[in-house]
Amino acid sequence: MDRIKILDATLWQEVPQDVITEAERSAVESPVWIARQGNGHIVAMDGPGDPEVATGDVMFIAEVAPRGR
């Protein structure tokens, strides 16, 4: 959990463990974001760089930092 910055504590409770594991594995050189899409699916994805400037039907739940950072 030291690599994970939770942005939305309420939605964090809904994140499946397999999505967290996927995000931790994928965050090798750059951050990976855990987000809820407009269709309700919670996914790990390459991030926008800054969730504060993101637009659309994506709600960012957490940022997973790269390994060793």
PDB file of N, CA and C in Angstrom:
ATOM      1  N   MET A   1       0.809  -1.210   0.000  1.00  0.00           N
ATOM      2  CA  MET A   1       0.000   0.000   0.000  1.00  0.00           C
ATOM      3  C   MET A   1       0.849   1.269   0.000  1.00  0.00           C
ATOM      4  N   ASP A   2       2.139   1.168   0.255  1.00  0.00           N
ATOM      5  CA  ASP A   2       2.964   2.365   0.285  1.00  0.00           C
ATOM      6  C   ASP A   2       3.130   2.970  -1.102  1.00  0.00           C
ATOM      7  N   ARG A   3       2.820   2.225  -2.149  1.00  0.00           N
ATOM      8  CA  ARG A   3       2.904   2.736  -3.523  1.00  0.00           C
ATOM      9  C   ARG A   3       1.580   3.335  -3.988  1.00  0.00           C
ATOM     10  N   ILE A   4       0.535   3.205  -3.189  1.00  0.00           N
ATOM     11  CA  ILE A   4      -0.802   3.597  -3.624  1.00  0.00           C
ATOM     12  C   ILE A   4      -1.246   4.870  -2.907  1.00  0.00           C
ATOM     13  N   LYS A   5      -1.622   5.864  -3.707  1.00  0.00           N
ATOM     14  CA  LYS A   5      -2.177   7.108  -3.171  1.00  0.00           C
ATOM     15  C   LYS A   5      -3.680   7.075  -3.469  1.00  0.00           C
ATOM     16  N   ILE A   6      -4.480   6.966  -2.435  1.00  0.00           N
ATOM     17  CA  ILE A   6      -5.929   6.885  -2.595  1.00  0.00           C
ATOM     18  C   ILE A   6      -6.489   8.296  -2.782  1.00  0.00           C
ATOM     19  N   LEU A   7      -7.239   8.474  -3.861  1.00  0.00           N
ATOM     20  CA  LEU A   7      -7.824   9.770  -4.180  1.00  0.00           C
ATOM     21  C   LEU A   7      -9.294   9.854  -3.785  1.00  0.00           C
ATOM     22  N   ASP A   8      -9.966   8.710  -3.741  1.00  0.00           N
ATOM     23  CA  ASP A   8     -11.384   8.672  -3.383  1.00  0.00           C
ATOM     24  C   ASP A   8     -11.615   7.475  -2.463  1.00  0.00           C
ATOM     25  N   ALA A   9     -11.660   7.723  -1.166  1.00  0.00           N
ATOM     26  CA  ALA A   9     -11.757   6.637  -0.183  1.00  0.00           C
ATOM     27  C   ALA A   9     -13.055   5.848  -0.299  1.00  0.00           C
ATOM     28  N   THR A  10     -14.124   6.501  -0.678  1.00  0.00           N
ATOM     29  CA  THR A  10     -15.407   5.807  -0.813  1.00  0.00           C
ATOM     30  C   THR A  10     -15.353   4.808  -1.964  1.00  0.00           C
ATOM     31  N   LEU A  11     -14.871   5.226  -3.121  1.00  0.00           N
ATOM     32  CA  LEU A  11     -14.771   4.317  -4.266  1.00  0.00           C
ATOM     33  C   LEU A  11     -13.693   3.254  -4.056  1.00  0.00           C
ATOM     34  N   TRP A  12     -12.662   3.576  -3.273  1.00  0.00           N
ATOM     35  CA  TRP A  12     -11.582   2.619  -3.028  1.00  0.00           C
ATOM     36  C   TRP A  12     -12.133   1.312  -2.454  1.00  0.00           C
ATOM     37  N   GLN A  13     -13.162   1.393  -1.658  1.00  0.00           N
ATOM     38  CA  GLN A  13     -13.755   0.202  -1.048  1.00  0.00           C
ATOM     39  C   GLN A  13     -14.366  -0.737  -2.080  1.00  0.00           C
ATOM     40  N   GLU A  14     -14.644  -0.230  -3.284  1.00  0.00           N
ATOM     41  CA  GLU A  14     -15.247  -1.025  -4.351  1.00  0.00           C
ATOM     42  C   GLU A  14     -14.219  -1.656  -5.294  1.00  0.00           C
ATOM     43  N   VAL A  15     -12.946  -1.306  -5.145  1.00  0.00           N
ATOM     44  CA  VAL A  15     -11.921  -1.783  -6.080  1.00  0.00           C
ATOM     45  C   VAL A  15     -11.616  -3.254  -5.826  1.00  0.00           C
ATOM     46  N   PRO A  16     -11.779  -4.097  -6.853  1.00  0.00           N
ATOM     47  CA  PRO A  16     -11.450  -5.517  -6.698  1.00  0.00           C
ATOM     48  C   PRO A  16      -9.943  -5.723  -6.516  1.00  0.00           C
ATOM     49  N   GLN A  17      -9.575  -6.727  -5.749  1.00  0.00           N
ATOM     50  CA  GLN A  17      -8.159  -7.006  -5.491  1.00  0.00           C
ATOM     51  C   GLN A  17      -7.390  -7.267  -6.787  1.00  0.00           C
ATOM     52  N   ASP A  18      -8.010  -7.908  -7.774  1.00  0.00           N
ATOM     53  CA  ASP A  18      -7.286  -8.194  -9.019  1.00  0.00           C
ATOM     54  C   ASP A  18      -6.932  -6.917  -9.776  1.00  0.00           C
ATOM     55  N   VAL A  19      -7.730  -5.861  -9.647  1.00  0.00           N
ATOM     56  CA  VAL A  19      -7.407  -4.585 -10.293  1.00  0.00           C
ATOM     57  C   VAL A  19      -6.219  -3.934  -9.577  1.00  0.00           C
ATOM     58  N   ILE A  20      -6.184  -4.023  -8.258  1.00  0.00           N
ATOM     59  CA  ILE A  20      -5.055  -3.476  -7.495  1.00  0.00           C
ATOM     60  C   ILE A  20      -3.775  -4.208  -7.873  1.00  0.00           C
ATOM     61  N   THR A  21      -3.837  -5.533  -7.943  1.00  0.00           N
ATOM     62  CA  THR A  21      -2.669  -6.341  -8.306  1.00  0.00           C
ATOM     63  C   THR A  21      -2.188  -5.996  -9.710  1.00  0.00           C
ATOM     64  N   GLU A  22      -3.112  -5.861 -10.649  1.00  0.00           N
ATOM     65  CA  GLU A  22      -2.754  -5.495 -12.025  1.00  0.00           C
ATOM     66  C   GLU A  22      -2.076  -4.133 -12.074  1.00  0.00           C
ATOM     67  N   ALA A  23      -2.611  -3.159 -11.330  1.00  0.00           N
ATOM     68  CA  ALA A  23      -2.026  -1.822 -11.313  1.00  0.00           C
ATOM     69  C   ALA A  23      -0.621  -1.841 -10.734  1.00  0.00           C
ATOM     70  N   GLU A  24      -0.416  -2.606  -9.655  1.00  0.00           N
ATOM     71  CA  GLU A  24       0.923  -2.687  -9.048  1.00  0.00           C
ATOM     72  C   GLU A  24       1.918  -3.329 -10.005  1.00  0.00           C
ATOM     73  N   ARG A  25       1.494  -4.346 -10.739  1.00  0.00           N
ATOM     74  CA  ARG A  25       2.381  -4.996 -11.712  1.00  0.00           C
ATOM     75  C   ARG A  25       2.689  -4.085 -12.897  1.00  0.00           C
ATOM     76  N   SER A  26       1.707  -3.308 -13.311  1.00  0.00           N
ATOM     77  CA  SER A  26       1.858  -2.465 -14.501  1.00  0.00           C
ATOM     78  C   SER A  26       2.660  -1.195 -14.251  1.00  0.00           C
ATOM     79  N   ALA A  27       2.734  -0.748 -13.013  1.00  0.00           N
ATOM     80  CA  ALA A  27       3.434   0.499 -12.691  1.00  0.00           C
ATOM     81  C   ALA A  27       4.935   0.232 -12.580  1.00  0.00           C
ATOM     82  N   VAL A  28       5.561   0.059 -13.726  1.00  0.00           N
ATOM     83  CA  VAL A  28       6.987  -0.245 -13.753  1.00  0.00           C
ATOM     84  C   VAL A  28       7.808   1.039 -13.847  1.00  0.00           C
ATOM     85  N   GLU A  29       7.511   1.881 -14.849  1.00  0.00           N
ATOM     86  CA  GLU A  29       8.295   3.100 -15.051  1.00  0.00           C
ATOM     87  C   GLU A  29       7.484   4.379 -14.880  1.00  0.00           C
ATOM     88  N   SER A  30       6.174   4.261 -14.954  1.00  0.00           N
ATOM     89  CA  SER A  30       5.324   5.432 -14.794  1.00  0.00           C
ATOM     90  C   SER A  30       4.074   5.044 -13.999  1.00  0.00           C
ATOM     91  N   PRO A  31       3.402   6.016 -13.430  1.00  0.00           N
ATOM     92  CA  PRO A  31       2.227   5.717 -12.606  1.00  0.00           C
ATOM     93  C   PRO A  31       1.112   5.039 -13.400  1.00  0.00           C
ATOM     94  N   VAL A  32       0.327   4.273 -12.697  1.00  0.00           N
ATOM     95  CA  VAL A  32      -0.879   3.657 -13.237  1.00  0.00           C
ATOM     96  C   VAL A  32      -2.027   4.133 -12.356  1.00  0.00           C
ATOM     97  N   TRP A  33      -3.161   4.363 -12.972  1.00  0.00           N
ATOM     98  CA  TRP A  33      -4.313   4.879 -12.254  1.00  0.00           C
ATOM     99  C   TRP A  33      -5.387   3.811 -12.148  1.00  0.00           C
ATOM    100  N   ILE A  34      -6.063   3.782 -11.030  1.00  0.00           N
ATOM    101  CA  ILE A  34      -7.240   2.941 -10.859  1.00  0.00           C
ATOM    102  C   ILE A  34      -8.417   3.896 -10.960  1.00  0.00           C
ATOM    103  N   ALA A  35      -9.329   3.573 -11.882  1.00  0.00           N
ATOM    104  CA  ALA A  35     -10.430   4.496 -12.156  1.00  0.00           C
ATOM    105  C   ALA A  35     -11.728   3.743 -12.398  1.00  0.00           C
ATOM    106  N   ARG A  36     -12.827   4.431 -12.155  1.00  0.00           N
ATOM    107  CA  ARG A  36     -14.129   3.891 -12.522  1.00  0.00           C
ATOM    108  C   ARG A  36     -14.566   4.597 -13.792  1.00  0.00           C
ATOM    109  N   GLN A  37     -14.839   3.801 -14.816  1.00  0.00           N
ATOM    110  CA  GLN A  37     -15.281   4.337 -16.089  1.00  0.00           C
ATOM    111  C   GLN A  37     -16.765   4.675 -16.020  1.00  0.00           C
ATOM    112  N   GLY A  38     -17.236   5.423 -16.992  1.00  0.00           N
ATOM    113  CA  GLY A  38     -18.632   5.821 -17.051  1.00  0.00           C
ATOM    114  C   GLY A  38     -19.595   4.644 -17.072  1.00  0.00           C
ATOM    115  N   ASN A  39     -19.125   3.496 -17.569  1.00  0.00           N
ATOM    116  CA  ASN A  39     -19.979   2.306 -17.625  1.00  0.00           C
ATOM    117  C   ASN A  39     -19.978   1.521 -16.310  1.00  0.00           C
ATOM    118  N   GLY A  40     -19.256   2.038 -15.292  1.00  0.00           N
ATOM    119  CA  GLY A  40     -19.235   1.411 -13.975  1.00  0.00           C
ATOM    120  C   GLY A  40     -18.094   0.445 -13.735  1.00  0.00           C
ATOM    121  N   HIS A  41     -17.338   0.098 -14.786  1.00  0.00           N
ATOM    122  CA  HIS A  41     -16.214  -0.819 -14.617  1.00  0.00           C
ATOM    123  C   HIS A  41     -15.062  -0.113 -13.912  1.00  0.00           C
ATOM    124  N   ILE A  42     -14.416  -0.820 -13.001  1.00  0.00           N
ATOM    125  CA  ILE A  42     -13.231  -0.304 -12.319  1.00  0.00           C
ATOM    126  C   ILE A  42     -12.030  -0.975 -12.950  1.00  0.00           C
ATOM    127  N   VAL A  43     -11.093  -0.156 -13.449  1.00  0.00           N
ATOM    128  CA  VAL A  43      -9.966  -0.664 -14.223  1.00  0.00           C
ATOM    129  C   VAL A  43      -8.655  -0.001 -13.807  1.00  0.00           C
ATOM    130  N   ALA A  44      -7.553  -0.664 -14.157  1.00  0.00           N
ATOM    131  CA  ALA A  44      -6.218  -0.069 -14.051  1.00  0.00           C
ATOM    132  C   ALA A  44      -5.897   0.473 -15.437  1.00  0.00           C
ATOM    133  N   MET A  45      -5.361   1.693 -15.493  1.00  0.00           N
ATOM    134  CA  MET A  45      -5.104   2.313 -16.783  1.00  0.00           C
ATOM    135  C   MET A  45      -3.920   3.255 -16.713  1.00  0.00           C
ATOM    136  N   ASP A  46      -3.317   3.489 -17.886  1.00  0.00           N
ATOM    137  CA  ASP A  46      -2.306   4.533 -17.952  1.00  0.00           C
ATOM    138  C   ASP A  46      -3.010   5.837 -17.660  1.00  0.00           C
ATOM    139  N   GLY A  47      -2.377   6.652 -16.860  1.00  0.00           N
ATOM    140  CA  GLY A  47      -3.055   7.842 -16.374  1.00  0.00           C
ATOM    141  C   GLY A  47      -2.957   9.044 -17.281  1.00  0.00           C
ATOM    142  N   PRO A  48      -3.705  10.046 -16.929  1.00  0.00           N
ATOM    143  CA  PRO A  48      -3.716  11.294 -17.689  1.00  0.00           C
ATOM    144  C   PRO A  48      -2.543  12.188 -17.332  1.00  0.00           C
ATOM    145  N   GLY A  49      -1.745  11.765 -16.358  1.00  0.00           N
ATOM    146  CA  GLY A  49      -0.679  12.616 -15.856  1.00  0.00           C
ATOM    147  C   GLY A  49      -1.110  13.338 -14.595  1.00  0.00           C
ATOM    148  N   ASP A  50      -2.331  13.823 -14.596  1.00  0.00           N
ATOM    149  CA  ASP A  50      -2.852  14.523 -13.427  1.00  0.00           C
ATOM    150  C   ASP A  50      -4.373  14.377 -13.413  1.00  0.00           C
ATOM    151  N   PRO A  51      -4.919  13.662 -12.430  1.00  0.00           N
ATOM    152  CA  PRO A  51      -6.374  13.461 -12.419  1.00  0.00           C
ATOM    153  C   PRO A  51      -7.168  14.742 -12.235  1.00  0.00           C
ATOM    154  N   GLU A  52      -6.524  15.809 -11.785  1.00  0.00           N
ATOM    155  CA  GLU A  52      -7.227  17.075 -11.599  1.00  0.00           C
ATOM    156  C   GLU A  52      -7.630  17.702 -12.933  1.00  0.00           C
ATOM    157  N   VAL A  53      -6.928  17.355 -14.021  1.00  0.00           N
ATOM    158  CA  VAL A  53      -7.230  17.940 -15.328  1.00  0.00           C
ATOM    159  C   VAL A  53      -7.928  16.952 -16.255  1.00  0.00           C
ATOM    160  N   ALA A  54      -8.280  15.781 -15.778  1.00  0.00           N
ATOM    161  CA  ALA A  54      -8.952  14.779 -16.596  1.00  0.00           C
ATOM    162  C   ALA A  54     -10.391  15.208 -16.874  1.00  0.00           C
ATOM    163  N   THR A  55     -10.864  14.804 -18.035  1.00  0.00           N
ATOM    164  CA  THR A  55     -12.247  15.107 -18.396  1.00  0.00           C
ATOM    165  C   THR A  55     -12.948  13.829 -18.808  1.00  0.00           C
ATOM    166  N   GLY A  56     -14.237  13.894 -18.937  1.00  0.00           N
ATOM    167  CA  GLY A  56     -14.988  12.737 -19.393  1.00  0.00           C
ATOM    168  C   GLY A  56     -15.620  11.963 -18.265  1.00  0.00           C
ATOM    169  N   ASP A  57     -15.996  10.737 -18.588  1.00  0.00           N
ATOM    170  CA  ASP A  57     -16.724   9.892 -17.650  1.00  0.00           C
ATOM    171  C   ASP A  57     -15.806   8.979 -16.852  1.00  0.00           C
ATOM    172  N   VAL A  58     -14.680   9.478 -16.405  1.00  0.00           N
ATOM    173  CA  VAL A  58     -13.732   8.683 -15.640  1.00  0.00           C
ATOM    174  C   VAL A  58     -13.564   9.318 -14.266  1.00  0.00           C
ATOM    175  N   MET A  59     -13.720   8.497 -13.229  1.00  0.00           N
ATOM    176  CA  MET A  59     -13.493   8.970 -11.866  1.00  0.00           C
ATOM    177  C   MET A  59     -12.244   8.270 -11.338  1.00  0.00           C
ATOM    178  N   PHE A  60     -11.218   9.034 -11.036  1.00  0.00           N
ATOM    179  CA  PHE A  60      -9.969   8.456 -10.580  1.00  0.00           C
ATOM    180  C   PHE A  60     -10.062   8.114  -9.097  1.00  0.00           C
ATOM    181  N   ILE A  61      -9.711   6.863  -8.778  1.00  0.00           N
ATOM    182  CA  ILE A  61      -9.829   6.353  -7.430  1.00  0.00           C
ATOM    183  C   ILE A  61      -8.486   6.343  -6.718  1.00  0.00           C
ATOM    184  N   ALA A  62      -7.419   5.972  -7.445  1.00  0.00           N
ATOM    185  CA  ALA A  62      -6.096   5.878  -6.819  1.00  0.00           C
ATOM    186  C   ALA A  62      -4.999   5.967  -7.869  1.00  0.00           C
ATOM    187  N   GLU A  63      -3.825   6.388  -7.411  1.00  0.00           N
ATOM    188  CA  GLU A  63      -2.621   6.401  -8.235  1.00  0.00           C
ATOM    189  C   GLU A  63      -1.655   5.359  -7.647  1.00  0.00           C
ATOM    190  N   VAL A  64      -1.094   4.532  -8.522  1.00  0.00           N
ATOM    191  CA  VAL A  64      -0.118   3.534  -8.095  1.00  0.00           C
ATOM    192  C   VAL A  64       1.237   3.963  -8.639  1.00  0.00           C
ATOM    193  N   ALA A  65       2.164   4.237  -7.737  1.00  0.00           N
ATOM    194  CA  ALA A  65       3.490   4.723  -8.125  1.00  0.00           C
ATOM    195  C   ALA A  65       4.342   3.580  -8.686  1.00  0.00           C
ATOM    196  N   PRO A  66       5.296   3.948  -9.545  1.00  0.00           N
ATOM    197  CA  PRO A  66       6.224   2.944 -10.068  1.00  0.00           C
ATOM    198  C   PRO A  66       7.033   2.295  -8.950  1.00  0.00           C
ATOM    199  N   ARG A  67       7.494   1.088  -9.212  1.00  0.00           N
ATOM    200  CA  ARG A  67       8.325   0.362  -8.230  1.00  0.00           C
ATOM    201  C   ARG A  67       9.586   1.145  -7.935  1.00  0.00           C
ATOM    202  N   GLY A  68       9.983   1.140  -6.679  1.00  0.00           N
ATOM    203  CA  GLY A  68      11.249   1.753  -6.292  1.00  0.00           C
ATOM    204  C   GLY A  68      11.225   3.262  -6.212  1.00  0.00           C
ATOM    205  N   ARG A  69      10.035   3.879  -6.243  1.00  0.00           N
ATOM    206  CA  ARG A  69       9.967   5.345  -6.164  1.00  0.00           C
ATOM    207  C   ARG A  69       9.175   5.779  -4.989  1.00  0.00           C
TER     208      ARG A  69
END
